[in-house]
Amino acid sequence: TSTSGDPGAPMQIRIRGTSSINGAVDPLIVVDGMPFDITVPSDFDFATSDENGYGQLLNIAPSDIKSITVLKDAAATAVWGSRAANGVLVIETKRGSIGPPAISYNFKGSYSAQPGPIPMLDGNQYSSLVLEEFYNAGRQFSTSEFAKQFQYDKNDPYNYFNYSNNTDWLDAITRNGFLQDHNLSISGGGEKAKYRASVNYFGQNGTTVGTGLTRVSARVNLDYVVSNRIRFSSDISYTHIDQTAVFNSNIRDVAYAKMPNQSLYEYDEYGNMTGNFFSPASTAQGSAVYSNRKITGTYNPLALARAASNASIAERITPKFTLQYIIVPNRLDLRGSFQANISNTKGKTFLPQIASGRPFTEAIVNTASDSDGDSFTMNTNINLTYTPDLGKKHSLIGFLRFDSEDTRRTSQFLMSTNTASSFLTDPSIDSRTNVAGSAGSSASQYRSVGLLANAQYKLLDRYIFNASIRGDGNSRFGSNNR
């Protein structure tokens, strides 16, 4: 499960419990025999998740998943090394089968709604309670600078029209969500070649205004028998994701606490709605505060949901090629696989003045940021399997495996504050020379190799003895400990 119901909310996996306070505790994910690089930062329920849950986690169409296996014993560590210390999630995708072309289409759609909130005070009840608080404390409310926000004085029309409402802030930022999932696939083949190709479209509108996700993915799996001894297979997948989220994840918390006598939209002194969000610089509850690219304090939740932006675009292409050579039929074979994992993620945020209500002279106003991250990973896997004939009572499988991984990542970030206009949503020159933006970049590269030797002996199909030895090297460690 995810920590929020917003579309595309990240997930976190726990197979063997939380074994570290600040270290990585996510399991190794293996798709079609190769590691799958993914970051998942919230809770994931293995007890109830099915193909739909894992498909959303890995951005794989659920209809493409054939089987899911969870490994959490010592054997997983023996095969995959230290990366499997937190368990292994093995996913196998569907492949073609012998037969005429078979076309399949399926659709899934659903509506979602937020459960009813706890009973809340309306604007009149809230204002009465605030006045009662002052009187019970023996304080003169009229001396407060925010007294006009609760006095409902028609002789002060601006404050009267803007602070005499019964606003349901939670209802204002809530809507019914809709999910649609389309899958189209074709598969078939003959004795020499088998194929399966699929296309998936997934779209979801979240129950919070301003949240949504669109994903388009495609996958082609091909198996080809070159000769009696040589077999070749290729798997190519592509995913494109557009995601929109609210600027702040705590927007529903603010909606619960926001004073309900305040108006959603601003009224003028004649009682006419201006069409602008009512975002005063400060109210009796305080004001908006911007820190570490987040806005805290109190603000107009609807203005933040509709006027501010927080969007990202992610693309991933993963080609994989496998070649198998049968050295001795039914006895000795060699298999080699190569996979490239190429991904790019772009992010863009903008916080206009109307979302915070702060004066244009402050740095919080019109804050814009752009980010870009690239990742390229190469995985190589070579397996040598030996199965001698020891008769009916005995069987032996010998296994040698070599793994290598090379990962390179780069990222850039640019932010500007107090841009000259709310229409300039990209980072640009600040409107005031004493307001500084920020920029940064990073690059990293690491390599790892592993060698495994494994033997499994079986007696009478009842007793099994297994022995493994594995060595790993990683450039992340110091030169004397790799």
Protein backbone atom coordinates (compact mmCIF):
# COMPACT_ATOMS: atom_id res chain seq x y z
CA THR A 1 0.00 0.00 0.00
CA SER A 2 1.05 3.62 -0.35
CA THR A 3 1.03 6.39 2.20
CA SER A 4 -1.44 8.41 0.13
CA GLY A 5 -4.29 7.74 -2.25
CA ASP A 6 -2.88 10.10 -4.86
CA PRO A 7 -2.17 8.56 -8.29
CA GLY A 8 1.41 7.37 -8.63
CA ALA A 9 2.13 7.62 -4.91
CA PRO A 10 5.39 5.76 -4.23
CA MET A 11 5.50 2.46 -2.39
CA GLN A 12 7.88 0.77 0.01
CA ILE A 13 8.52 -2.96 0.26
CA ARG A 14 9.35 -4.91 3.40
CA ILE A 15 10.00 -8.66 3.03
CA ARG A 16 12.30 -9.43 5.96
CA GLY A 17 11.36 -6.54 8.22
CA THR A 18 13.20 -3.30 8.87
CA SER A 19 16.82 -4.25 9.51
CA SER A 20 18.38 -0.79 9.43
CA ILE A 21 17.50 2.62 10.83
CA ASN A 22 18.97 4.68 8.00
CA GLY A 23 20.26 2.11 5.51
CA ALA A 24 18.45 0.62 2.51
CA VAL A 25 15.86 -1.99 3.47
CA ASP A 26 14.16 -2.51 0.11
CA PRO A 27 14.36 -5.99 -1.44
CA LEU A 28 16.00 -6.83 -4.74
CA ILE A 29 13.47 -6.90 -7.58
CA VAL A 30 14.16 -9.32 -10.44
CA VAL A 31 12.12 -9.17 -13.66
CA ASP A 32 12.65 -12.01 -16.16
CA GLY A 33 15.92 -12.99 -14.53
CA MET A 34 17.52 -9.54 -14.38
CA PRO A 35 17.63 -6.95 -11.55
CA PHE A 36 15.13 -4.11 -11.84
CA ASP A 37 16.33 -0.74 -10.55
CA ILE A 38 13.56 1.04 -8.66
CA THR A 39 13.21 3.19 -5.54
CA VAL A 40 10.13 2.52 -3.40
CA PRO A 41 9.63 4.68 -0.28
CA SER A 42 6.27 3.60 1.39
CA ASP A 43 4.61 0.42 2.74
CA PHE A 44 3.72 -2.46 0.41
CA ASP A 45 1.46 -5.30 1.61
CA PHE A 46 2.71 -8.67 0.34
CA ALA A 47 -0.17 -10.49 2.03
CA THR A 48 -2.86 -8.92 -0.17
CA SER A 49 -1.08 -7.58 -3.28
CA ASP A 50 -1.76 -9.24 -6.63
CA GLU A 51 -0.72 -8.58 -10.23
CA ASN A 52 -2.47 -5.20 -10.12
CA GLY A 53 -0.50 -4.08 -7.07
CA TYR A 54 2.85 -5.25 -8.39
CA GLY A 55 2.08 -3.87 -11.84
CA GLN A 56 1.49 -0.42 -10.37
CA LEU A 57 4.66 -0.70 -8.30
CA LEU A 58 6.89 -1.57 -11.27
CA ASN A 59 4.93 0.30 -13.96
CA ILE A 60 4.25 -3.02 -15.70
CA ALA A 61 0.82 -3.78 -17.12
CA PRO A 62 -0.80 -6.34 -14.76
CA SER A 63 -1.91 -8.39 -17.78
CA ASP A 64 1.78 -8.86 -18.71
CA ILE A 65 2.67 -10.55 -15.40
CA LYS A 66 2.74 -14.35 -15.44
CA SER A 67 4.00 -15.18 -11.94
CA ILE A 68 5.24 -13.52 -8.74
CA THR A 69 7.58 -15.24 -6.28
CA VAL A 70 8.90 -13.90 -2.98
CA LEU A 71 12.25 -15.27 -1.75
CA LYS A 72 13.40 -14.49 1.78
CA ASP A 73 15.65 -17.34 2.86
CA ALA A 74 19.39 -17.92 2.68
CA ALA A 75 19.12 -19.39 -0.82
CA ALA A 76 18.14 -15.97 -2.17
CA THR A 77 21.29 -14.43 -0.73
CA ALA A 78 23.38 -17.26 -2.16
CA VAL A 79 22.10 -16.63 -5.69
CA TRP A 80 21.97 -12.83 -5.67
CA GLY A 81 24.58 -11.92 -3.09
CA SER A 82 24.40 -9.09 -0.58
CA ARG A 83 21.77 -7.25 -2.63
CA ALA A 84 19.31 -9.97 -1.59
CA ALA A 85 19.86 -9.42 2.15
CA ASN A 86 16.37 -7.89 2.40
CA GLY A 87 14.71 -10.55 0.26
CA VAL A 88 14.06 -10.98 -3.46
CA LEU A 89 10.90 -10.34 -5.45
CA VAL A 90 10.97 -12.44 -8.64
CA ILE A 91 8.52 -11.46 -11.40
CA GLU A 92 8.12 -13.34 -14.67
CA THR A 93 6.28 -11.79 -17.62
CA LYS A 94 4.15 -13.65 -20.14
CA ARG A 95 5.65 -14.97 -23.38
CA GLY A 96 4.29 -16.26 -26.67
CA SER A 97 3.13 -19.82 -27.28
CA ILE A 98 2.74 -22.05 -30.32
CA GLY A 99 -0.48 -21.33 -32.18
CA PRO A 100 -2.22 -18.86 -34.49
CA PRO A 101 -2.20 -15.16 -33.60
CA ALA A 102 -4.39 -14.50 -30.57
CA ILE A 103 -5.56 -10.95 -29.90
CA SER A 104 -6.76 -9.98 -26.44
CA TYR A 105 -8.24 -6.74 -25.12
CA ASN A 106 -9.44 -6.00 -21.62
CA PHE A 107 -10.61 -2.88 -19.84
CA LYS A 108 -10.95 -2.03 -16.19
CA GLY A 109 -12.57 1.11 -14.85
CA SER A 110 -13.49 2.25 -11.38
CA TYR A 111 -14.66 5.26 -9.42
CA SER A 112 -13.25 6.18 -6.04
CA ALA A 113 -14.42 8.54 -3.33
CA GLN A 114 -13.01 9.79 -0.06
CA PRO A 115 -14.84 8.55 3.06
CA GLY A 116 -16.87 11.12 4.94
CA PRO A 117 -14.76 13.35 7.21
CA ILE A 118 -15.19 13.74 10.93
CA PRO A 119 -17.84 16.33 11.91
CA MET A 120 -16.38 19.82 11.69
CA LEU A 121 -17.50 23.26 12.91
CA ASP A 122 -19.05 25.55 10.35
CA GLY A 123 -18.01 29.19 10.07
CA ASN A 124 -20.58 30.55 12.52
CA GLN A 125 -19.78 27.93 15.16
CA TYR A 126 -16.05 28.49 14.74
CA SER A 127 -16.35 32.28 15.12
CA SER A 128 -18.52 31.90 18.23
CA LEU A 129 -15.98 29.52 19.75
CA VAL A 130 -13.11 31.97 19.11
CA LEU A 131 -15.04 34.80 20.77
CA GLU A 132 -15.89 32.56 23.72
CA GLU A 133 -12.22 31.68 24.13
CA PHE A 134 -11.30 35.36 24.52
CA TYR A 135 -14.12 36.14 26.92
CA ASN A 136 -13.38 33.10 29.11
CA ALA A 137 -9.77 34.22 29.32
CA GLY A 138 -10.85 37.70 30.40
CA ARG A 139 -9.23 39.32 27.36
CA GLN A 140 -10.52 42.20 25.24
CA PHE A 141 -11.07 40.69 21.81
CA SER A 142 -11.59 44.07 20.16
CA THR A 143 -7.93 44.93 20.75
CA SER A 144 -6.76 42.04 18.57
CA GLU A 145 -5.58 42.97 15.09
CA PHE A 146 -7.64 40.07 13.72
CA ALA A 147 -10.89 40.98 15.53
CA LYS A 148 -12.53 42.07 12.28
CA GLN A 149 -12.26 38.52 10.94
CA PHE A 150 -14.84 37.32 13.50
CA GLN A 151 -17.12 40.31 14.16
CA TYR A 152 -19.32 39.98 11.04
CA ASP A 153 -19.62 43.77 10.89
CA LYS A 154 -21.63 44.88 7.84
CA ASN A 155 -20.20 48.36 8.23
CA ASP A 156 -16.86 46.80 7.26
CA PRO A 157 -18.03 45.14 4.01
CA TYR A 158 -14.68 43.75 2.87
CA ASN A 159 -14.06 41.76 6.04
CA TYR A 160 -17.76 40.94 6.35
CA PHE A 161 -18.03 39.29 2.94
CA ASN A 162 -14.68 37.51 3.17
CA TYR A 163 -14.95 36.30 6.79
CA SER A 164 -18.64 35.45 7.26
CA ASN A 165 -18.78 32.19 5.32
CA ASN A 166 -19.39 28.53 6.06
CA THR A 167 -16.60 27.02 3.98
CA ASP A 168 -15.96 23.28 3.85
CA TRP A 169 -12.29 23.36 2.90
CA LEU A 170 -11.98 19.59 2.71
CA ASP A 171 -14.91 19.33 0.34
CA ALA A 172 -13.44 22.13 -1.79
CA ILE A 173 -10.27 20.14 -2.57
CA THR A 174 -11.99 16.75 -2.87
CA ARG A 175 -13.51 15.19 -5.95
CA ASN A 176 -14.49 11.73 -7.15
CA GLY A 177 -11.62 9.82 -8.71
CA PHE A 178 -11.75 7.74 -11.88
CA LEU A 179 -9.41 5.00 -13.06
CA GLN A 180 -9.21 3.47 -16.51
CA ASP A 181 -6.90 0.65 -17.58
CA HIS A 182 -6.77 -0.57 -21.20
CA ASN A 183 -4.69 -3.58 -22.29
CA LEU A 184 -4.21 -4.87 -25.83
CA SER A 185 -1.98 -7.86 -26.64
CA ILE A 186 -1.21 -10.22 -29.49
CA SER A 187 0.67 -13.52 -29.19
CA GLY A 188 1.38 -16.63 -31.18
CA GLY A 189 4.14 -18.47 -32.99
CA GLY A 190 5.38 -21.71 -34.44
CA GLU A 191 8.09 -24.28 -33.82
CA LYS A 192 10.88 -21.83 -34.61
CA ALA A 193 9.62 -18.51 -33.28
CA LYS A 194 7.15 -17.36 -30.62
CA TYR A 195 6.14 -13.79 -29.88
CA ARG A 196 4.01 -11.66 -27.59
CA ALA A 197 3.44 -7.91 -27.88
CA SER A 198 1.29 -5.72 -25.65
CA VAL A 199 0.28 -2.09 -25.19
CA ASN A 200 -1.21 -0.66 -22.00
CA TYR A 201 -2.83 2.69 -21.22
CA PHE A 202 -3.47 3.59 -17.59
CA GLY A 203 -5.11 6.83 -16.47
CA GLN A 204 -6.18 7.89 -13.00
CA ASN A 205 -7.61 11.07 -11.51
CA GLY A 206 -7.04 11.30 -7.78
CA THR A 207 -9.64 12.24 -5.19
CA THR A 208 -7.62 15.36 -4.31
CA VAL A 209 -7.93 18.24 -6.77
CA GLY A 210 -4.77 18.60 -8.84
CA THR A 211 -3.62 14.95 -8.70
CA GLY A 212 -3.49 12.57 -11.65
CA LEU A 213 -1.40 9.98 -13.47
CA THR A 214 -1.17 8.81 -17.07
CA ARG A 215 0.99 5.84 -18.06
CA VAL A 216 1.60 4.34 -21.49
CA SER A 217 3.65 1.15 -21.68
CA ALA A 218 4.58 -1.34 -24.37
CA ARG A 219 6.36 -4.69 -24.26
CA VAL A 220 7.59 -7.12 -26.93
CA ASN A 221 8.89 -10.61 -26.01
CA LEU A 222 10.39 -12.79 -28.76
CA ASP A 223 11.78 -16.35 -28.58
CA TYR A 224 13.59 -17.87 -31.56
CA VAL A 225 15.10 -21.32 -32.07
CA VAL A 226 18.16 -20.79 -34.27
CA SER A 227 19.18 -24.47 -34.32
CA ASN A 228 19.05 -27.59 -32.19
CA ARG A 229 21.76 -26.10 -29.98
CA ILE A 230 21.21 -22.33 -30.16
CA ARG A 231 18.24 -20.35 -28.85
CA PHE A 232 17.78 -16.59 -28.82
CA SER A 233 15.28 -14.35 -27.02
CA SER A 234 14.74 -10.62 -26.80
CA ASP A 235 12.58 -8.57 -24.42
CA ILE A 236 12.01 -4.86 -24.99
CA SER A 237 9.81 -2.68 -22.79
CA TYR A 238 9.02 1.03 -22.80
CA THR A 239 7.14 3.16 -20.25
CA HIS A 240 6.09 6.82 -20.32
CA ILE A 241 4.52 8.42 -17.23
CA ASP A 242 2.96 11.86 -16.75
CA GLN A 243 2.15 12.63 -13.13
CA THR A 244 0.65 15.69 -11.45
CA ALA A 245 0.62 16.14 -7.69
CA VAL A 246 -0.23 18.88 -5.22
CA PHE A 247 2.61 21.19 -4.28
CA ASN A 248 2.39 20.09 -0.64
CA SER A 249 1.56 16.62 0.61
CA ASN A 250 -0.06 18.02 3.80
CA ILE A 251 -2.79 19.88 1.95
CA ARG A 252 -5.59 17.78 3.48
CA ASP A 253 -4.24 18.41 6.99
CA VAL A 254 -4.36 22.15 6.33
CA ALA A 255 -7.91 21.81 4.97
CA TYR A 256 -9.00 20.16 8.22
CA ALA A 257 -7.54 22.99 10.33
CA LYS A 258 -8.36 25.99 8.12
CA MET A 259 -10.78 28.53 9.66
CA PRO A 260 -14.17 27.81 8.03
CA ASN A 261 -15.49 31.39 8.16
CA GLN A 262 -12.94 32.43 5.50
CA SER A 263 -14.06 32.56 1.88
CA LEU A 264 -12.64 30.43 -0.92
CA TYR A 265 -12.68 33.37 -3.35
CA GLU A 266 -12.18 37.07 -2.66
CA TYR A 267 -15.12 39.47 -2.48
CA ASP A 268 -14.85 43.21 -3.02
CA GLU A 269 -16.41 45.80 -0.70
CA TYR A 270 -19.67 45.60 -2.67
CA GLY A 271 -20.09 41.88 -2.08
CA ASN A 272 -19.13 40.89 -5.62
CA MET A 273 -16.95 37.82 -6.08
CA THR A 274 -13.77 38.82 -7.93
CA GLY A 275 -12.91 35.33 -9.17
CA ASN A 276 -9.52 35.47 -7.44
CA PHE A 277 -8.63 33.06 -4.67
CA PHE A 278 -8.85 34.69 -1.25
CA SER A 279 -5.29 34.29 0.05
CA PRO A 280 -4.61 37.02 2.64
CA ALA A 281 -1.02 37.54 3.72
CA SER A 282 -1.95 36.64 7.28
CA THR A 283 -5.01 35.59 9.28
CA ALA A 284 -5.77 34.83 12.91
CA GLN A 285 -4.31 31.37 12.26
CA GLY A 286 -1.00 32.72 10.99
CA SER A 287 0.48 32.79 7.52
CA ALA A 288 2.16 30.61 4.93
CA VAL A 289 5.86 29.86 5.43
CA TYR A 290 8.18 28.58 2.68
CA SER A 291 11.16 26.41 3.65
CA ASN A 292 13.15 23.65 1.93
CA ARG A 293 10.95 23.83 -1.18
CA LYS A 294 7.82 23.23 0.92
CA ILE A 295 5.08 25.56 2.12
CA THR A 296 3.91 25.20 5.72
CA GLY A 297 1.64 27.12 8.06
CA THR A 298 -1.83 28.12 6.89
CA TYR A 299 -2.76 28.91 3.32
CA ASN A 300 -5.74 28.62 0.98
CA PRO A 301 -5.78 24.87 0.15
CA LEU A 302 -7.87 25.30 -2.99
CA ALA A 303 -5.54 28.03 -4.29
CA LEU A 304 -2.56 25.74 -3.73
CA ALA A 305 -4.28 22.78 -5.43
CA ARG A 306 -5.37 24.73 -8.50
CA ALA A 307 -2.79 27.51 -8.95
CA ALA A 308 0.46 25.83 -7.86
CA SER A 309 1.98 23.07 -9.99
CA ASN A 310 4.01 19.95 -9.26
CA ALA A 311 4.47 17.81 -12.36
CA SER A 312 6.87 15.12 -13.49
CA ILE A 313 7.53 13.13 -16.64
CA ALA A 314 9.38 9.81 -16.54
CA GLU A 315 10.51 7.55 -19.38
CA ARG A 316 12.18 4.16 -19.24
CA ILE A 317 13.30 1.78 -21.97
CA THR A 318 14.69 -1.65 -21.13
CA PRO A 319 16.07 -3.88 -23.91
CA LYS A 320 17.25 -7.36 -22.95
CA PHE A 321 18.87 -10.06 -25.11
CA THR A 322 19.56 -13.69 -24.17
CA LEU A 323 21.56 -16.31 -26.06
CA GLN A 324 21.60 -19.98 -25.02
CA TYR A 325 24.04 -22.57 -26.36
CA ILE A 326 23.42 -26.25 -25.56
CA ILE A 327 26.91 -27.74 -25.35
CA VAL A 328 25.76 -31.28 -24.51
CA PRO A 329 22.01 -31.96 -24.86
CA ASN A 330 20.33 -32.50 -21.48
CA ARG A 331 23.70 -32.28 -19.75
CA LEU A 332 25.55 -29.00 -20.23
CA ASP A 333 24.37 -25.63 -21.48
CA LEU A 334 25.61 -22.04 -21.43
CA ARG A 335 23.31 -19.02 -21.23
CA GLY A 336 24.26 -15.35 -21.45
CA SER A 337 22.02 -12.30 -20.97
CA PHE A 338 22.58 -8.59 -21.46
CA GLN A 339 20.19 -5.86 -20.36
CA ALA A 340 20.29 -2.07 -20.55
CA ASN A 341 18.06 0.05 -18.34
CA ILE A 342 17.78 3.63 -19.62
CA SER A 343 15.58 6.12 -17.77
CA ASN A 344 14.99 9.86 -17.57
CA THR A 345 12.88 11.85 -15.11
CA LYS A 346 11.98 15.53 -15.41
CA GLY A 347 10.28 17.51 -12.65
CA LYS A 348 8.77 20.98 -12.60
CA THR A 349 7.19 22.98 -9.74
CA PHE A 350 5.79 26.49 -9.46
CA LEU A 351 4.36 28.34 -6.44
CA PRO A 352 2.57 31.55 -7.53
CA GLN A 353 1.83 34.46 -5.23
CA ILE A 354 -1.90 33.71 -5.10
CA ALA A 355 -1.21 30.26 -3.59
CA SER A 356 0.62 31.65 -0.55
CA GLY A 357 -0.84 35.15 -0.28
CA ARG A 358 2.49 36.57 0.82
CA PRO A 359 3.60 40.06 -0.37
CA PHE A 360 5.43 40.27 -3.69
CA THR A 361 8.52 41.51 -1.86
CA GLU A 362 9.09 38.11 -0.23
CA ALA A 363 11.14 35.30 -1.72
CA ILE A 364 8.29 32.80 -1.31
CA VAL A 365 6.41 34.47 -4.16
CA ASN A 366 6.58 32.94 -7.66
CA THR A 367 9.05 30.17 -6.83
CA ALA A 368 9.91 28.00 -9.85
CA SER A 369 12.10 24.91 -10.13
CA ASP A 370 13.17 22.44 -12.81
CA SER A 371 14.97 19.13 -12.30
CA ASP A 372 16.33 16.50 -14.65
CA GLY A 373 17.78 13.09 -13.86
CA ASP A 374 19.27 10.43 -16.15
CA SER A 375 20.17 6.85 -15.30
CA PHE A 376 21.90 4.18 -17.40
CA THR A 377 22.47 0.65 -16.10
CA MET A 378 24.05 -2.33 -17.88
CA ASN A 379 23.56 -5.85 -16.50
CA THR A 380 25.39 -8.94 -17.71
CA ASN A 381 24.55 -12.47 -16.63
CA ILE A 382 26.37 -15.66 -17.68
CA ASN A 383 25.19 -19.11 -16.46
CA LEU A 384 26.75 -22.53 -16.95
CA THR A 385 24.55 -25.47 -15.90
CA TYR A 386 25.67 -29.12 -15.62
CA THR A 387 23.23 -32.00 -14.98
CA PRO A 388 24.97 -35.42 -15.15
CA ASP A 389 23.04 -38.71 -15.40
CA LEU A 390 23.45 -40.52 -12.06
CA GLY A 391 20.57 -42.97 -12.37
CA LYS A 392 17.04 -42.95 -10.99
CA LYS A 393 17.95 -42.70 -7.30
CA HIS A 394 20.41 -39.85 -7.57
CA SER A 395 20.42 -36.46 -9.28
CA LEU A 396 22.91 -33.61 -9.31
CA ILE A 397 22.78 -30.07 -10.64
CA GLY A 398 25.94 -27.98 -10.85
CA PHE A 399 25.67 -24.26 -11.47
CA LEU A 400 28.19 -21.50 -12.18
CA ARG A 401 27.04 -17.91 -12.48
CA PHE A 402 28.74 -14.60 -13.22
CA ASP A 403 26.97 -11.24 -12.75
CA SER A 404 28.09 -7.71 -13.47
CA GLU A 405 26.39 -4.33 -13.19
CA ASP A 406 27.49 -0.87 -14.27
CA THR A 407 25.32 2.11 -13.27
CA ARG A 408 25.78 5.77 -14.17
CA ARG A 409 23.53 8.60 -12.96
CA THR A 410 23.47 12.35 -13.54
CA SER A 411 21.09 15.01 -12.24
CA GLN A 412 20.59 18.78 -12.48
CA PHE A 413 18.44 21.15 -10.45
CA LEU A 414 17.60 24.82 -10.93
CA MET A 415 15.37 27.06 -8.81
CA SER A 416 14.53 30.76 -8.88
CA THR A 417 12.40 32.79 -6.48
CA ASN A 418 10.43 36.01 -6.75
CA THR A 419 10.20 35.92 -10.53
CA ALA A 420 8.71 39.00 -12.15
CA SER A 421 5.30 37.50 -13.04
CA SER A 422 3.03 34.60 -12.14
CA PHE A 423 3.02 33.77 -15.84
CA LEU A 424 6.77 33.01 -15.76
CA THR A 425 6.53 29.44 -14.50
CA ASP A 426 10.08 28.46 -15.51
CA PRO A 427 13.16 29.41 -13.47
CA SER A 428 14.23 32.87 -14.60
CA ILE A 429 15.98 36.02 -13.40
CA ASP A 430 14.68 37.18 -10.04
CA SER A 431 12.75 40.45 -9.97
CA ARG A 432 14.89 41.68 -7.06
CA THR A 433 18.67 41.52 -7.04
CA ASN A 434 18.89 40.59 -3.35
CA VAL A 435 16.90 37.35 -3.82
CA ALA A 436 19.09 34.44 -4.82
CA GLY A 437 18.01 31.24 -6.55
CA SER A 438 19.89 27.98 -6.45
CA ALA A 439 21.37 25.46 -8.85
CA GLY A 440 23.09 22.14 -8.49
CA SER A 441 24.18 19.02 -10.29
CA SER A 442 25.56 15.60 -9.45
CA ALA A 443 27.06 12.59 -11.17
CA SER A 444 27.78 9.10 -9.89
CA GLN A 445 28.99 5.78 -11.20
CA TYR A 446 29.48 2.40 -9.58
CA ARG A 447 30.16 -1.16 -10.66
CA SER A 448 29.61 -4.55 -9.09
CA VAL A 449 30.54 -8.13 -10.00
CA GLY A 450 29.59 -11.46 -8.49
CA LEU A 451 30.59 -15.10 -8.96
CA LEU A 452 28.50 -18.03 -7.70
CA ALA A 453 29.14 -21.77 -7.56
CA ASN A 454 26.24 -23.98 -6.51
CA ALA A 455 25.63 -27.72 -6.30
CA GLN A 456 22.40 -29.51 -5.41
CA TYR A 457 22.22 -33.25 -4.76
CA LYS A 458 18.94 -35.14 -4.48
CA LEU A 459 18.52 -38.66 -3.16
CA LEU A 460 15.37 -40.71 -3.85
CA ASP A 461 13.49 -37.49 -4.65
CA ARG A 462 13.25 -37.04 -0.88
CA TYR A 463 16.52 -35.81 0.55
CA ILE A 464 18.10 -32.65 -0.82
CA PHE A 465 21.57 -31.33 -0.06
CA ASN A 466 22.58 -27.90 -1.30
CA ALA A 467 25.91 -26.08 -1.11
CA SER A 468 26.83 -22.64 -2.43
CA ILE A 469 29.76 -20.28 -2.40
CA ARG A 470 29.66 -16.74 -3.68
CA GLY A 471 31.99 -13.78 -3.93
CA ASP A 472 31.04 -10.16 -4.63
CA GLY A 473 32.95 -7.01 -5.47
CA ASN A 474 31.63 -3.45 -5.49
CA SER A 475 33.28 -0.14 -6.36
CA ARG A 476 31.29 1.60 -3.62
CA PHE A 477 33.65 0.21 -1.02
CA GLY A 478 37.19 1.35 -0.43
CA SER A 479 39.96 -0.03 -2.61
CA ASN A 480 41.03 -2.46 0.14
CA ASN A 481 37.53 -3.82 0.76
CA ARG A 482 35.98 -4.25 -2.66
